[in-house]
Amino acid sequence: MDKKILLVDDAAFMRMLIRDTLTKNGFTNILEAADGEIACQMYEAENPDLVVMDITMPNKTGIEALAEIKAKNPAAKVIMCSAMGQEAMVVEAIKLGALDFIVKPFKPDRILQTVTKILG
């Protein structure tokens, strides 16, 4: 599958976990960013089909990056990731246009199911 996916998380381990799940299931065009600031720059440069983004990150939060990405491209497809107990931020992300959210710790089948659903 040549859908381009941007993974955004300040934890390299989390990006690796998602990348492994996706590549094992045929998604090979995967980009990575370590914070919301880099994510916004990469989104503009690469125009990915999907962004999978953590909420809590340094430099620019996932909420701030989501708002900036959606302002530039209202059709952007973004899935947010959050730890348990971040319900208020998840609600804000959905209001800003996130299509779904995945709760950490991740279950590989949940990641794959959500990505597949959104990318069709």
PDB file of N, CA and C in Angstrom:
ATOM      1  N   MET A   1       0.853  -1.187   0.000  1.00  0.00           N
ATOM      2  CA  MET A   1       0.000   0.000   0.000  1.00  0.00           C
ATOM      3  C   MET A   1       0.889   1.237   0.000  1.00  0.00           C
ATOM      4  N   ASP A   2       0.570   2.185  -0.846  1.00  0.00           N
ATOM      5  CA  ASP A   2       1.447   3.353  -0.889  1.00  0.00           C
ATOM      6  C   ASP A   2       0.831   4.579  -0.225  1.00  0.00           C
ATOM      7  N   LYS A   3      -0.096   4.365   0.680  1.00  0.00           N
ATOM      8  CA  LYS A   3      -0.631   5.479   1.468  1.00  0.00           C
ATOM      9  C   LYS A   3       0.481   5.992   2.373  1.00  0.00           C
ATOM     10  N   LYS A   4       0.653   7.312   2.403  1.00  0.00           N
ATOM     11  CA  LYS A   4       1.713   7.921   3.220  1.00  0.00           C
ATOM     12  C   LYS A   4       1.153   8.256   4.598  1.00  0.00           C
ATOM     13  N   ILE A   5       1.812   7.727   5.640  1.00  0.00           N
ATOM     14  CA  ILE A   5       1.364   7.926   7.017  1.00  0.00           C
ATOM     15  C   ILE A   5       2.461   8.619   7.810  1.00  0.00           C
ATOM     16  N   LEU A   6       2.081   9.677   8.528  1.00  0.00           N
ATOM     17  CA  LEU A   6       3.009  10.399   9.396  1.00  0.00           C
ATOM     18  C   LEU A   6       2.720  10.028  10.843  1.00  0.00           C
ATOM     19  N   LEU A   7       3.722   9.447  11.524  1.00  0.00           N
ATOM     20  CA  LEU A   7       3.602   9.087  12.940  1.00  0.00           C
ATOM     21  C   LEU A   7       4.258  10.184  13.762  1.00  0.00           C
ATOM     22  N   VAL A   8       3.526  10.715  14.738  1.00  0.00           N
ATOM     23  CA  VAL A   8       4.048  11.814  15.554  1.00  0.00           C
ATOM     24  C   VAL A   8       3.946  11.444  17.034  1.00  0.00           C
ATOM     25  N   ASP A   9       5.099  11.282  17.672  1.00  0.00           N
ATOM     26  CA  ASP A   9       5.144  10.987  19.102  1.00  0.00           C
ATOM     27  C   ASP A   9       6.541  11.320  19.584  1.00  0.00           C
ATOM     28  N   ASP A  10       6.648  11.923  20.761  1.00  0.00           N
ATOM     29  CA  ASP A  10       7.972  12.263  21.287  1.00  0.00           C
ATOM     30  C   ASP A  10       8.706  11.022  21.791  1.00  0.00           C
ATOM     31  N   ALA A  11       8.001   9.921  21.959  1.00  0.00           N
ATOM     32  CA  ALA A  11       8.629   8.671  22.393  1.00  0.00           C
ATOM     33  C   ALA A  11       8.952   7.806  21.177  1.00  0.00           C
ATOM     34  N   ALA A  12      10.244   7.634  20.903  1.00  0.00           N
ATOM     35  CA  ALA A  12      10.679   6.829  19.758  1.00  0.00           C
ATOM     36  C   ALA A  12      10.121   5.405  19.837  1.00  0.00           C
ATOM     37  N   PHE A  13      10.014   4.877  21.060  1.00  0.00           N
ATOM     38  CA  PHE A  13       9.481   3.531  21.258  1.00  0.00           C
ATOM     39  C   PHE A  13       8.043   3.431  20.743  1.00  0.00           C
ATOM     40  N   MET A  14       7.229   4.449  21.014  1.00  0.00           N
ATOM     41  CA  MET A  14       5.829   4.436  20.556  1.00  0.00           C
ATOM     42  C   MET A  14       5.750   4.493  19.034  1.00  0.00           C
ATOM     43  N   ARG A  15       6.597   5.348  18.437  1.00  0.00           N
ATOM     44  CA  ARG A  15       6.618   5.419  16.971  1.00  0.00           C
ATOM     45  C   ARG A  15       7.010   4.065  16.385  1.00  0.00           C
ATOM     46  N   MET A  16       7.999   3.414  16.993  1.00  0.00           N
ATOM     47  CA  MET A  16       8.465   2.116  16.521  1.00  0.00           C
ATOM     48  C   MET A  16       7.349   1.066  16.628  1.00  0.00           C
ATOM     49  N   LEU A  17       6.619   1.088  17.732  1.00  0.00           N
ATOM     50  CA  LEU A  17       5.519   0.150  17.951  1.00  0.00           C
ATOM     51  C   LEU A  17       4.455   0.294  16.850  1.00  0.00           C
ATOM     52  N   ILE A  18       4.069   1.529  16.559  1.00  0.00           N
ATOM     53  CA  ILE A  18       3.051   1.771  15.525  1.00  0.00           C
ATOM     54  C   ILE A  18       3.605   1.409  14.148  1.00  0.00           C
ATOM     55  N   ARG A  19       4.852   1.840  13.878  1.00  0.00           N
ATOM     56  CA  ARG A  19       5.480   1.550  12.588  1.00  0.00           C
ATOM     57  C   ARG A  19       5.512   0.037  12.350  1.00  0.00           C
ATOM     58  N   ASP A  20       5.933  -0.731  13.345  1.00  0.00           N
ATOM     59  CA  ASP A  20       6.020  -2.187  13.203  1.00  0.00           C
ATOM     60  C   ASP A  20       4.656  -2.789  12.884  1.00  0.00           C
ATOM     61  N   THR A  21       3.634  -2.348  13.603  1.00  0.00           N
ATOM     62  CA  THR A  21       2.275  -2.847  13.363  1.00  0.00           C
ATOM     63  C   THR A  21       1.831  -2.551  11.933  1.00  0.00           C
ATOM     64  N   LEU A  22       2.078  -1.327  11.479  1.00  0.00           N
ATOM     65  CA  LEU A  22       1.629  -0.933  10.141  1.00  0.00           C
ATOM     66  C   LEU A  22       2.431  -1.627   9.042  1.00  0.00           C
ATOM     67  N   THR A  23       3.760  -1.694   9.195  1.00  0.00           N
ATOM     68  CA  THR A  23       4.569  -2.316   8.140  1.00  0.00           C
ATOM     69  C   THR A  23       4.276  -3.814   8.014  1.00  0.00           C
ATOM     70  N   LYS A  24       3.997  -4.474   9.130  1.00  0.00           N
ATOM     71  CA  LYS A  24       3.649  -5.899   9.081  1.00  0.00           C
ATOM     72  C   LYS A  24       2.337  -6.133   8.334  1.00  0.00           C
ATOM     73  N   ASN A  25       1.557  -5.071   8.177  1.00  0.00           N
ATOM     74  CA  ASN A  25       0.256  -5.182   7.515  1.00  0.00           C
ATOM     75  C   ASN A  25       0.205  -4.425   6.197  1.00  0.00           C
ATOM     76  N   GLY A  26       1.384  -4.208   5.595  1.00  0.00           N
ATOM     77  CA  GLY A  26       1.432  -3.690   4.232  1.00  0.00           C
ATOM     78  C   GLY A  26       1.586  -2.197   4.068  1.00  0.00           C
ATOM     79  N   PHE A  27       1.600  -1.433   5.149  1.00  0.00           N
ATOM     80  CA  PHE A  27       1.806   0.014   5.035  1.00  0.00           C
ATOM     81  C   PHE A  27       3.311   0.277   5.113  1.00  0.00           C
ATOM     82  N   THR A  28       3.896   0.741   4.023  1.00  0.00           N
ATOM     83  CA  THR A  28       5.359   0.871   3.981  1.00  0.00           C
ATOM     84  C   THR A  28       5.844   2.304   3.862  1.00  0.00           C
ATOM     85  N   ASN A  29       4.966   3.228   3.477  1.00  0.00           N
ATOM     86  CA  ASN A  29       5.386   4.618   3.280  1.00  0.00           C
ATOM     87  C   ASN A  29       5.106   5.394   4.570  1.00  0.00           C
ATOM     88  N   ILE A  30       6.023   5.273   5.540  1.00  0.00           N
ATOM     89  CA  ILE A  30       5.795   5.835   6.870  1.00  0.00           C
ATOM     90  C   ILE A  30       6.866   6.857   7.216  1.00  0.00           C
ATOM     91  N   LEU A  31       6.406   8.036   7.629  1.00  0.00           N
ATOM     92  CA  LEU A  31       7.288   9.121   8.058  1.00  0.00           C
ATOM     93  C   LEU A  31       7.147   9.273   9.564  1.00  0.00           C
ATOM     94  N   GLU A  32       8.159   9.879  10.205  1.00  0.00           N
ATOM     95  CA  GLU A  32       8.096  10.058  11.656  1.00  0.00           C
ATOM     96  C   GLU A  32       8.500  11.468  12.053  1.00  0.00           C
ATOM     97  N   ALA A  33       7.845  11.983  13.091  1.00  0.00           N
ATOM     98  CA  ALA A  33       8.194  13.277  13.681  1.00  0.00           C
ATOM     99  C   ALA A  33       8.162  13.125  15.193  1.00  0.00           C
ATOM    100  N   ALA A  34       9.075  13.826  15.877  1.00  0.00           N
ATOM    101  CA  ALA A  34       9.212  13.675  17.329  1.00  0.00           C
ATOM    102  C   ALA A  34       8.422  14.706  18.127  1.00  0.00           C
ATOM    103  N   ASP A  35       7.831  15.698  17.465  1.00  0.00           N
ATOM    104  CA  ASP A  35       6.987  16.668  18.175  1.00  0.00           C
ATOM    105  C   ASP A  35       6.045  17.367  17.204  1.00  0.00           C
ATOM    106  N   GLY A  36       5.135  18.155  17.758  1.00  0.00           N
ATOM    107  CA  GLY A  36       4.125  18.821  16.943  1.00  0.00           C
ATOM    108  C   GLY A  36       4.688  19.848  15.975  1.00  0.00           C
ATOM    109  N   GLU A  37       5.758  20.506  16.367  1.00  0.00           N
ATOM    110  CA  GLU A  37       6.397  21.505  15.493  1.00  0.00           C
ATOM    111  C   GLU A  37       6.920  20.834  14.222  1.00  0.00           C
ATOM    112  N   ILE A  38       7.673  19.750  14.398  1.00  0.00           N
ATOM    113  CA  ILE A  38       8.213  19.008  13.253  1.00  0.00           C
ATOM    114  C   ILE A  38       7.058  18.414  12.434  1.00  0.00           C
ATOM    115  N   ALA A  39       6.028  17.945  13.119  1.00  0.00           N
ATOM    116  CA  ALA A  39       4.870  17.361  12.428  1.00  0.00           C
ATOM    117  C   ALA A  39       4.236  18.362  11.466  1.00  0.00           C
ATOM    118  N   CYS A  40       4.071  19.596  11.907  1.00  0.00           N
ATOM    119  CA  CYS A  40       3.458  20.625  11.050  1.00  0.00           C
ATOM    120  C   CYS A  40       4.332  20.894   9.827  1.00  0.00           C
ATOM    121  N   GLN A  41       5.645  20.963  10.035  1.00  0.00           N
ATOM    122  CA  GLN A  41       6.570  21.182   8.917  1.00  0.00           C
ATOM    123  C   GLN A  41       6.520  20.007   7.940  1.00  0.00           C
ATOM    124  N   MET A  42       6.544  18.798   8.487  1.00  0.00           N
ATOM    125  CA  MET A  42       6.514  17.608   7.629  1.00  0.00           C
ATOM    126  C   MET A  42       5.174  17.465   6.910  1.00  0.00           C
ATOM    127  N   TYR A  43       4.092  17.829   7.592  1.00  0.00           N
ATOM    128  CA  TYR A  43       2.779  17.738   6.948  1.00  0.00           C
ATOM    129  C   TYR A  43       2.756  18.615   5.698  1.00  0.00           C
ATOM    130  N   GLU A  44       3.246  19.829   5.850  1.00  0.00           N
ATOM    131  CA  GLU A  44       3.252  20.764   4.724  1.00  0.00           C
ATOM    132  C   GLU A  44       4.153  20.275   3.589  1.00  0.00           C
ATOM    133  N   ALA A  45       5.312  19.735   3.931  1.00  0.00           N
ATOM    134  CA  ALA A  45       6.268  19.276   2.922  1.00  0.00           C
ATOM    135  C   ALA A  45       5.843  17.971   2.248  1.00  0.00           C
ATOM    136  N   GLU A  46       5.255  17.056   3.022  1.00  0.00           N
ATOM    137  CA  GLU A  46       4.999  15.699   2.530  1.00  0.00           C
ATOM    138  C   GLU A  46       3.544  15.393   2.178  1.00  0.00           C
ATOM    139  N   ASN A  47       2.600  16.177   2.704  1.00  0.00           N
ATOM    140  CA  ASN A  47       1.174  15.968   2.469  1.00  0.00           C
ATOM    141  C   ASN A  47       0.757  14.498   2.647  1.00  0.00           C
ATOM    142  N   PRO A  48       0.937  13.951   3.855  1.00  0.00           N
ATOM    143  CA  PRO A  48       0.590  12.536   4.072  1.00  0.00           C
ATOM    144  C   PRO A  48      -0.916  12.290   3.979  1.00  0.00           C
ATOM    145  N   ASP A  49      -1.267  11.040   3.710  1.00  0.00           N
ATOM    146  CA  ASP A  49      -2.681  10.645   3.635  1.00  0.00           C
ATOM    147  C   ASP A  49      -3.312  10.558   5.020  1.00  0.00           C
ATOM    148  N   LEU A  50      -2.460  10.322   6.037  1.00  0.00           N
ATOM    149  CA  LEU A  50      -2.954  10.156   7.399  1.00  0.00           C
ATOM    150  C   LEU A  50      -1.873  10.572   8.386  1.00  0.00           C
ATOM    151  N   VAL A  51      -2.302  11.190   9.490  1.00  0.00           N
ATOM    152  CA  VAL A  51      -1.397  11.524  10.593  1.00  0.00           C
ATOM    153  C   VAL A  51      -1.890  10.783  11.836  1.00  0.00           C
ATOM    154  N   VAL A  52      -0.979  10.089  12.511  1.00  0.00           N
ATOM    155  CA  VAL A  52      -1.275   9.439  13.793  1.00  0.00           C
ATOM    156  C   VAL A  52      -0.433  10.188  14.809  1.00  0.00           C
ATOM    157  N   MET A  53      -1.096  10.956  15.712  1.00  0.00           N
ATOM    158  CA  MET A  53      -0.367  11.921  16.541  1.00  0.00           C
ATOM    159  C   MET A  53      -0.706  11.819  18.017  1.00  0.00           C
ATOM    160  N   ASP A  54       0.351  11.839  18.822  1.00  0.00           N
ATOM    161  CA  ASP A  54       0.222  11.869  20.278  1.00  0.00           C
ATOM    162  C   ASP A  54      -0.324  13.236  20.694  1.00  0.00           C
ATOM    163  N   ILE A  55      -1.017  13.306  21.813  1.00  0.00           N
ATOM    164  CA  ILE A  55      -1.536  14.580  22.308  1.00  0.00           C
ATOM    165  C   ILE A  55      -0.473  15.335  23.095  1.00  0.00           C
ATOM    166  N   THR A  56       0.244  14.650  23.981  1.00  0.00           N
ATOM    167  CA  THR A  56       1.182  15.316  24.880  1.00  0.00           C
ATOM    168  C   THR A  56       2.606  15.219  24.343  1.00  0.00           C
ATOM    169  N   MET A  57       3.141  16.372  23.875  1.00  0.00           N
ATOM    170  CA  MET A  57       4.495  16.429  23.318  1.00  0.00           C
ATOM    171  C   MET A  57       5.123  17.783  23.615  1.00  0.00           C
ATOM    172  N   PRO A  58       6.459  17.839  23.590  1.00  0.00           N
ATOM    173  CA  PRO A  58       7.139  19.127  23.784  1.00  0.00           C
ATOM    174  C   PRO A  58       7.048  20.005  22.530  1.00  0.00           C
ATOM    175  N   ASN A  59       7.427  21.268  22.663  1.00  0.00           N
ATOM    176  CA  ASN A  59       7.493  22.263  21.579  1.00  0.00           C
ATOM    177  C   ASN A  59       6.125  22.686  21.043  1.00  0.00           C
ATOM    178  N   LYS A  60       5.318  21.733  20.636  1.00  0.00           N
ATOM    179  CA  LYS A  60       3.951  22.009  20.194  1.00  0.00           C
ATOM    180  C   LYS A  60       3.156  20.744  20.485  1.00  0.00           C
ATOM    181  N   THR A  61       2.077  20.887  21.241  1.00  0.00           N
ATOM    182  CA  THR A  61       1.277  19.709  21.590  1.00  0.00           C
ATOM    183  C   THR A  61       0.563  19.157  20.367  1.00  0.00           C
ATOM    184  N   GLY A  62       0.049  17.958  20.516  1.00  0.00           N
ATOM    185  CA  GLY A  62      -0.729  17.371  19.441  1.00  0.00           C
ATOM    186  C   GLY A  62      -1.980  18.178  19.132  1.00  0.00           C
ATOM    187  N   ILE A  63      -2.574  18.781  20.158  1.00  0.00           N
ATOM    188  CA  ILE A  63      -3.765  19.618  19.959  1.00  0.00           C
ATOM    189  C   ILE A  63      -3.399  20.849  19.120  1.00  0.00           C
ATOM    190  N   GLU A  64      -2.287  21.504  19.464  1.00  0.00           N
ATOM    191  CA  GLU A  64      -1.843  22.689  18.707  1.00  0.00           C
ATOM    192  C   GLU A  64      -1.492  22.316  17.267  1.00  0.00           C
ATOM    193  N   ALA A  65      -0.796  21.194  17.108  1.00  0.00           N
ATOM    194  CA  ALA A  65      -0.417  20.752  15.764  1.00  0.00           C
ATOM    195  C   ALA A  65      -1.654  20.370  14.950  1.00  0.00           C
ATOM    196  N   LEU A  66      -2.608  19.699  15.586  1.00  0.00           N
ATOM    197  CA  LEU A  66      -3.859  19.340  14.906  1.00  0.00           C
ATOM    198  C   LEU A  66      -4.562  20.601  14.397  1.00  0.00           C
ATOM    199  N   ALA A  67      -4.679  21.609  15.258  1.00  0.00           N
ATOM    200  CA  ALA A  67      -5.345  22.857  14.865  1.00  0.00           C
ATOM    201  C   ALA A  67      -4.635  23.505  13.677  1.00  0.00           C
ATOM    202  N   GLU A  68      -3.303  23.506  13.706  1.00  0.00           N
ATOM    203  CA  GLU A  68      -2.526  24.114  12.619  1.00  0.00           C
ATOM    204  C   GLU A  68      -2.668  23.326  11.314  1.00  0.00           C
ATOM    205  N   ILE A  69      -2.610  22.013  11.404  1.00  0.00           N
ATOM    206  CA  ILE A  69      -2.756  21.166  10.211  1.00  0.00           C
ATOM    207  C   ILE A  69      -4.150  21.330   9.611  1.00  0.00           C
ATOM    208  N   LYS A  70      -5.188  21.313  10.464  1.00  0.00           N
ATOM    209  CA  LYS A  70      -6.565  21.446   9.966  1.00  0.00           C
ATOM    210  C   LYS A  70      -6.827  22.839   9.386  1.00  0.00           C
ATOM    211  N   ALA A  71      -6.143  23.863   9.927  1.00  0.00           N
ATOM    212  CA  ALA A  71      -6.292  25.220   9.382  1.00  0.00           C
ATOM    213  C   ALA A  71      -5.731  25.282   7.958  1.00  0.00           C
ATOM    214  N   LYS A  72      -4.635  24.577   7.728  1.00  0.00           N
ATOM    215  CA  LYS A  72      -4.017  24.556   6.396  1.00  0.00           C
ATOM    216  C   LYS A  72      -4.756  23.632   5.444  1.00  0.00           C
ATOM    217  N   ASN A  73      -5.255  22.505   5.968  1.00  0.00           N
ATOM    218  CA  ASN A  73      -5.961  21.539   5.138  1.00  0.00           C
ATOM    219  C   ASN A  73      -7.136  20.952   5.926  1.00  0.00           C
ATOM    220  N   PRO A  74      -8.324  21.539   5.770  1.00  0.00           N
ATOM    221  CA  PRO A  74      -9.501  21.063   6.515  1.00  0.00           C
ATOM    222  C   PRO A  74      -9.820  19.583   6.258  1.00  0.00           C
ATOM    223  N   ALA A  75      -9.349  19.035   5.141  1.00  0.00           N
ATOM    224  CA  ALA A  75      -9.622  17.635   4.814  1.00  0.00           C
ATOM    225  C   ALA A  75      -8.568  16.681   5.393  1.00  0.00           C
ATOM    226  N   ALA A  76      -7.600  17.196   6.114  1.00  0.00           N
ATOM    227  CA  ALA A  76      -6.541  16.351   6.683  1.00  0.00           C
ATOM    228  C   ALA A  76      -7.143  15.252   7.556  1.00  0.00           C
ATOM    229  N   LYS A  77      -6.597  14.039   7.427  1.00  0.00           N
ATOM    230  CA  LYS A  77      -7.053  12.902   8.225  1.00  0.00           C
ATOM    231  C   LYS A  77      -6.080  12.713   9.373  1.00  0.00           C
ATOM    232  N   VAL A  78      -6.580  12.885  10.604  1.00  0.00           N
ATOM    233  CA  VAL A  78      -5.727  12.798  11.787  1.00  0.00           C
ATOM    234  C   VAL A  78      -6.374  11.894  12.837  1.00  0.00           C
ATOM    235  N   ILE A  79      -5.565  10.965  13.358  1.00  0.00           N
ATOM    236  CA  ILE A  79      -5.959  10.119  14.481  1.00  0.00           C
ATOM    237  C   ILE A  79      -5.101  10.559  15.662  1.00  0.00           C
ATOM    238  N   MET A  80      -5.717  10.817  16.793  1.00  0.00           N
ATOM    239  CA  MET A  80      -4.969  11.229  17.977  1.00  0.00           C
ATOM    240  C   MET A  80      -4.726  10.031  18.891  1.00  0.00           C
ATOM    241  N   CYS A  81      -3.608  10.077  19.616  1.00  0.00           N
ATOM    242  CA  CYS A  81      -3.268   9.056  20.603  1.00  0.00           C
ATOM    243  C   CYS A  81      -3.213   9.725  21.961  1.00  0.00           C
ATOM    244  N   SER A  82      -3.741   9.053  22.965  1.00  0.00           N
ATOM    245  CA  SER A  82      -3.712   9.648  24.297  1.00  0.00           C
ATOM    246  C   SER A  82      -3.572   8.577  25.356  1.00  0.00           C
ATOM    247  N   ALA A  83      -3.039   8.987  26.485  1.00  0.00           N
ATOM    248  CA  ALA A  83      -2.983   8.094  27.638  1.00  0.00           C
ATOM    249  C   ALA A  83      -4.338   8.129  28.324  1.00  0.00           C
ATOM    250  N   MET A  84      -4.599   7.156  29.153  1.00  0.00           N
ATOM    251  CA  MET A  84      -5.832   7.164  29.936  1.00  0.00           C
ATOM    252  C   MET A  84      -5.871   8.451  30.763  1.00  0.00           C
ATOM    253  N   GLY A  85      -7.049   8.999  30.967  1.00  0.00           N
ATOM    254  CA  GLY A  85      -7.178  10.180  31.801  1.00  0.00           C
ATOM    255  C   GLY A  85      -7.047  11.490  31.049  1.00  0.00           C
ATOM    256  N   GLN A  86      -6.955  11.434  29.723  1.00  0.00           N
ATOM    257  CA  GLN A  86      -6.850  12.670  28.936  1.00  0.00           C
ATOM    258  C   GLN A  86      -8.147  12.936  28.173  1.00  0.00           C
ATOM    259  N   GLU A  87      -9.267  12.557  28.779  1.00  0.00           N
ATOM    260  CA  GLU A  87     -10.552  12.649  28.085  1.00  0.00           C
ATOM    261  C   GLU A  87     -10.865  14.059  27.593  1.00  0.00           C
ATOM    262  N   ALA A  88     -10.574  15.073  28.406  1.00  0.00           N
ATOM    263  CA  ALA A  88     -10.876  16.454  28.005  1.00  0.00           C
ATOM    264  C   ALA A  88     -10.108  16.833  26.740  1.00  0.00           C
ATOM    265  N   MET A  89      -8.856  16.408  26.657  1.00  0.00           N
ATOM    266  CA  MET A  89      -8.059  16.714  25.465  1.00  0.00           C
ATOM    267  C   MET A  89      -8.537  15.921  24.260  1.00  0.00           C
ATOM    268  N   VAL A  90      -8.997  14.698  24.489  1.00  0.00           N
ATOM    269  CA  VAL A  90      -9.537  13.895  23.393  1.00  0.00           C
ATOM    270  C   VAL A  90     -10.781  14.573  22.826  1.00  0.00           C
ATOM    271  N   VAL A  91     -11.663  15.044  23.702  1.00  0.00           N
ATOM    272  CA  VAL A  91     -12.876  15.745  23.265  1.00  0.00           C
ATOM    273  C   VAL A  91     -12.493  16.993  22.458  1.00  0.00           C
ATOM    274  N   GLU A  92     -11.508  17.744  22.937  1.00  0.00           N
ATOM    275  CA  GLU A  92     -11.049  18.939  22.209  1.00  0.00           C
ATOM    276  C   GLU A  92     -10.507  18.550  20.831  1.00  0.00           C
ATOM    277  N   ALA A  93      -9.740  17.471  20.763  1.00  0.00           N
ATOM    278  CA  ALA A  93      -9.177  17.015  19.489  1.00  0.00           C
ATOM    279  C   ALA A  93     -10.280  16.642  18.501  1.00  0.00           C
ATOM    280  N   ILE A  94     -11.316  15.966  18.981  1.00  0.00           N
ATOM    281  CA  ILE A  94     -12.435  15.589  18.106  1.00  0.00           C
ATOM    282  C   ILE A  94     -13.146  16.860  17.596  1.00  0.00           C
ATOM    283  N   LYS A  95     -13.322  17.837  18.482  1.00  0.00           N
ATOM    284  CA  LYS A  95     -13.950  19.103  18.077  1.00  0.00           C
ATOM    285  C   LYS A  95     -13.119  19.822  17.012  1.00  0.00           C
ATOM    286  N   LEU A  96     -11.803  19.682  17.107  1.00  0.00           N
ATOM    287  CA  LEU A  96     -10.902  20.315  16.139  1.00  0.00           C
ATOM    288  C   LEU A  96     -10.814  19.546  14.829  1.00  0.00           C
ATOM    289  N   GLY A  97     -11.394  18.364  14.800  1.00  0.00           N
ATOM    290  CA  GLY A  97     -11.443  17.631  13.543  1.00  0.00           C
ATOM    291  C   GLY A  97     -10.712  16.312  13.495  1.00  0.00           C
ATOM    292  N   ALA A  98     -10.177  15.836  14.622  1.00  0.00           N
ATOM    293  CA  ALA A  98      -9.566  14.506  14.628  1.00  0.00           C
ATOM    294  C   ALA A  98     -10.653  13.479  14.307  1.00  0.00           C
ATOM    295  N   LEU A  99     -10.322  12.485  13.513  1.00  0.00           N
ATOM    296  CA  LEU A  99     -11.311  11.502  13.083  1.00  0.00           C
ATOM    297  C   LEU A  99     -11.513  10.387  14.095  1.00  0.00           C
ATOM    298  N   ASP A 100     -10.500  10.134  14.923  1.00  0.00           N
ATOM    299  CA  ASP A 100     -10.601   9.051  15.899  1.00  0.00           C
ATOM    300  C   ASP A 100      -9.481   9.225  16.909  1.00  0.00           C
ATOM    301  N   PHE A 101      -9.476   8.392  17.925  1.00  0.00           N
ATOM    302  CA  PHE A 101      -8.366   8.401  18.871  1.00  0.00           C
ATOM    303  C   PHE A 101      -8.092   6.980  19.336  1.00  0.00           C
ATOM    304  N   ILE A 102      -6.833   6.759  19.683  1.00  0.00           N
ATOM    305  CA  ILE A 102      -6.385   5.458  20.172  1.00  0.00           C
ATOM    306  C   ILE A 102      -5.804   5.691  21.557  1.00  0.00           C
ATOM    307  N   VAL A 103      -6.205   4.868  22.521  1.00  0.00           N
ATOM    308  CA  VAL A 103      -5.731   5.021  23.887  1.00  0.00           C
ATOM    309  C   VAL A 103      -4.469   4.184  24.095  1.00  0.00           C
ATOM    310  N   LYS A 104      -3.474   4.797  24.741  1.00  0.00           N
ATOM    311  CA  LYS A 104      -2.260   4.071  25.125  1.00  0.00           C
ATOM    312  C   LYS A 104      -2.547   3.320  26.419  1.00  0.00           C
ATOM    313  N   PRO A 105      -1.955   2.180  26.661  1.00  0.00           N
ATOM    314  CA  PRO A 105      -1.025   1.480  25.775  1.00  0.00           C
ATOM    315  C   PRO A 105      -1.759   0.882  24.572  1.00  0.00           C
ATOM    316  N   PHE A 106      -1.109   0.907  23.434  1.00  0.00           N
ATOM    317  CA  PHE A 106      -1.725   0.476  22.184  1.00  0.00           C
ATOM    318  C   PHE A 106      -1.918  -1.020  22.111  1.00  0.00           C
ATOM    319  N   LYS A 107      -3.002  -1.402  21.478  1.00  0.00           N
ATOM    320  CA  LYS A 107      -3.199  -2.784  21.074  1.00  0.00           C
ATOM    321  C   LYS A 107      -3.018  -2.778  19.556  1.00  0.00           C
ATOM    322  N   PRO A 108      -2.100  -3.589  19.033  1.00  0.00           N
ATOM    323  CA  PRO A 108      -1.827  -3.562  17.593  1.00  0.00           C
ATOM    324  C   PRO A 108      -3.065  -3.671  16.714  1.00  0.00           C
ATOM    325  N   ASP A 109      -4.019  -4.536  17.090  1.00  0.00           N
ATOM    326  CA  ASP A 109      -5.219  -4.681  16.257  1.00  0.00           C
ATOM    327  C   ASP A 109      -6.065  -3.416  16.242  1.00  0.00           C
ATOM    328  N   ARG A 110      -6.060  -2.663  17.331  1.00  0.00           N
ATOM    329  CA  ARG A 110      -6.814  -1.397  17.391  1.00  0.00           C
ATOM    330  C   ARG A 110      -6.176  -0.360  16.468  1.00  0.00           C
ATOM    331  N   ILE A 111      -4.847  -0.297  16.455  1.00  0.00           N
ATOM    332  CA  ILE A 111      -4.146   0.635  15.558  1.00  0.00           C
ATOM    333  C   ILE A 111      -4.499   0.302  14.118  1.00  0.00           C
ATOM    334  N   LEU A 112      -4.347  -0.963  13.759  1.00  0.00           N
ATOM    335  CA  LEU A 112      -4.590  -1.392  12.384  1.00  0.00           C
ATOM    336  C   LEU A 112      -6.047  -1.169  11.968  1.00  0.00           C
ATOM    337  N   GLN A 113      -6.970  -1.508  12.850  1.00  0.00           N
ATOM    338  CA  GLN A 113      -8.399  -1.349  12.569  1.00  0.00           C
ATOM    339  C   GLN A 113      -8.726   0.129  12.305  1.00  0.00           C
ATOM    340  N   THR A 114      -8.200   1.030  13.138  1.00  0.00           N
ATOM    341  CA  THR A 114      -8.490   2.453  13.006  1.00  0.00           C
ATOM    342  C   THR A 114      -7.879   3.030  11.728  1.00  0.00           C
ATOM    343  N   VAL A 115      -6.623   2.703  11.464  1.00  0.00           N
ATOM    344  CA  VAL A 115      -5.932   3.200  10.263  1.00  0.00           C
ATOM    345  C   VAL A 115      -6.634   2.688   9.001  1.00  0.00           C
ATOM    346  N   THR A 116      -6.961   1.405   8.982  1.00  0.00           N
ATOM    347  CA  THR A 116      -7.620   0.813   7.821  1.00  0.00           C
ATOM    348  C   THR A 116      -8.997   1.438   7.580  1.00  0.00           C
ATOM    349  N   LYS A 117      -9.735   1.670   8.657  1.00  0.00           N
ATOM    350  CA  LYS A 117     -11.068   2.274   8.550  1.00  0.00           C
ATOM    351  C   LYS A 117     -10.976   3.668   7.915  1.00  0.00           C
ATOM    352  N   ILE A 118     -10.024   4.462   8.353  1.00  0.00           N
ATOM    353  CA  ILE A 118      -9.931   5.838   7.875  1.00  0.00           C
ATOM    354  C   ILE A 118      -9.346   5.927   6.459  1.00  0.00           C
ATOM    355  N   LEU A 119      -8.408   5.059   6.150  1.00  0.00           N
ATOM    356  CA  LEU A 119      -7.819   5.093   4.809  1.00  0.00           C
ATOM    357  C   LEU A 119      -8.646   4.323   3.787  1.00  0.00           C
ATOM    358  N   GLY A 120      -9.683   3.646   4.266  1.00  0.00           N
ATOM    359  CA  GLY A 120     -10.588   2.953   3.351  1.00  0.00           C
ATOM    360  C   GLY A 120      -9.976   1.665   2.845  1.00  0.00           C
TER     361      GLY A 120
END
